[in-house]
């Protein structure tokens, strides 16, 4: 959490989380917020977040 880009994007995701009503919307939002260039995540974590099928969320 030392990276400000990650912190900001996670706060934005949490802010909209209550409005999301399906797993698909939650997954798409998480991918959208974590996929930004300002978010510095380890490669393994980015790979997990970019899974193809939202029904099989890790």
C-alpha atoms as a PDB file:
ATOM      1  CA  UNK A   1       0.000   0.000   0.000  1.00  0.00           C
ATOM      2  CA  UNK A   2       3.000   2.295  -0.211  1.00  0.00           C
ATOM      3  CA  UNK A   3       2.114   3.084  -3.819  1.00  0.00           C
ATOM      4  CA  UNK A   4      -0.405   5.936  -4.046  1.00  0.00           C
ATOM      5  CA  UNK A   5      -1.832   4.794  -7.402  1.00  0.00           C
ATOM      6  CA  UNK A   6      -2.870   1.458  -5.954  1.00  0.00           C
ATOM      7  CA  UNK A   7      -4.321   3.067  -2.851  1.00  0.00           C
ATOM      8  CA  UNK A   8      -6.442   5.529  -4.842  1.00  0.00           C
ATOM      9  CA  UNK A   9      -7.759   2.846  -7.197  1.00  0.00           C
ATOM     10  CA  UNK A  10      -8.672   0.533  -4.298  1.00  0.00           C
ATOM     11  CA  UNK A  11     -10.576   3.340  -2.573  1.00  0.00           C
ATOM     12  CA  UNK A  12     -12.468   4.027  -5.805  1.00  0.00           C
ATOM     13  CA  UNK A  13     -13.325   0.339  -6.151  1.00  0.00           C
ATOM     14  CA  UNK A  14     -14.516   0.063  -2.542  1.00  0.00           C
ATOM     15  CA  UNK A  15     -16.569   3.234  -2.982  1.00  0.00           C
ATOM     16  CA  UNK A  16     -18.604   1.728  -5.833  1.00  0.00           C
ATOM     17  CA  UNK A  17     -18.708  -1.833  -4.437  1.00  0.00           C
ATOM     18  CA  UNK A  18     -22.086  -1.461  -2.701  1.00  0.00           C
ATOM     19  CA  UNK A  19     -23.746  -0.401  -5.956  1.00  0.00           C
ATOM     20  CA  UNK A  20     -22.579  -3.495  -7.831  1.00  0.00           C
ATOM     21  CA  UNK A  21     -25.228  -6.233  -7.823  1.00  0.00           C
ATOM     22  CA  UNK A  22     -23.625  -9.162  -9.636  1.00  0.00           C
ATOM     23  CA  UNK A  23     -20.343 -11.073  -9.620  1.00  0.00           C
ATOM     24  CA  UNK A  24     -19.732 -10.063 -13.213  1.00  0.00           C
ATOM     25  CA  UNK A  25     -20.021  -6.347 -12.399  1.00  0.00           C
ATOM     26  CA  UNK A  26     -17.750  -6.716  -9.373  1.00  0.00           C
ATOM     27  CA  UNK A  27     -15.126  -8.572 -11.396  1.00  0.00           C
ATOM     28  CA  UNK A  28     -15.251  -6.111 -14.287  1.00  0.00           C
ATOM     29  CA  UNK A  29     -14.898  -3.160 -11.899  1.00  0.00           C
ATOM     30  CA  UNK A  30     -11.985  -4.780 -10.080  1.00  0.00           C
ATOM     31  CA  UNK A  31     -10.252  -5.444 -13.393  1.00  0.00           C
ATOM     32  CA  UNK A  32     -10.935  -1.877 -14.521  1.00  0.00           C
ATOM     33  CA  UNK A  33      -9.578  -0.283 -11.360  1.00  0.00           C
ATOM     34  CA  UNK A  34      -6.555  -2.563 -11.049  1.00  0.00           C
ATOM     35  CA  UNK A  35      -5.677  -2.418 -14.750  1.00  0.00           C
ATOM     36  CA  UNK A  36      -4.708   1.237 -14.731  1.00  0.00           C
ATOM     37  CA  UNK A  37      -1.073   2.075 -15.496  1.00  0.00           C
ATOM     38  CA  UNK A  38      -0.724   4.009 -12.230  1.00  0.00           C
ATOM     39  CA  UNK A  39      -1.388   0.803 -10.282  1.00  0.00           C
ATOM     40  CA  UNK A  40       1.821  -1.112  -9.664  1.00  0.00           C
ATOM     41  CA  UNK A  41       0.946  -4.708  -8.850  1.00  0.00           C
ATOM     42  CA  UNK A  42       3.169  -7.770  -8.950  1.00  0.00           C
ATOM     43  CA  UNK A  43       2.929  -9.658 -12.246  1.00  0.00           C
ATOM     44  CA  UNK A  44       1.424 -12.737 -10.553  1.00  0.00           C
ATOM     45  CA  UNK A  45      -1.354 -10.674  -8.967  1.00  0.00           C
ATOM     46  CA  UNK A  46      -2.164  -8.913 -12.252  1.00  0.00           C
ATOM     47  CA  UNK A  47      -2.396 -12.332 -13.921  1.00  0.00           C
ATOM     48  CA  UNK A  48      -4.873 -13.530 -11.310  1.00  0.00           C
ATOM     49  CA  UNK A  49      -6.998 -10.411 -11.711  1.00  0.00           C
ATOM     50  CA  UNK A  50      -7.096 -10.762 -15.490  1.00  0.00           C
ATOM     51  CA  UNK A  51      -8.767 -14.146 -15.511  1.00  0.00           C
ATOM     52  CA  UNK A  52     -11.112 -14.902 -18.392  1.00  0.00           C
ATOM     53  CA  UNK A  53     -14.206 -16.287 -16.685  1.00  0.00           C
ATOM     54  CA  UNK A  54     -15.720 -14.218 -13.829  1.00  0.00           C
ATOM     55  CA  UNK A  55     -17.689 -17.250 -12.583  1.00  0.00           C
ATOM     56  CA  UNK A  56     -14.424 -18.816 -11.440  1.00  0.00           C
ATOM     57  CA  UNK A  57     -13.073 -15.928  -9.427  1.00  0.00           C
ATOM     58  CA  UNK A  58      -9.865 -16.865  -7.553  1.00  0.00           C
END
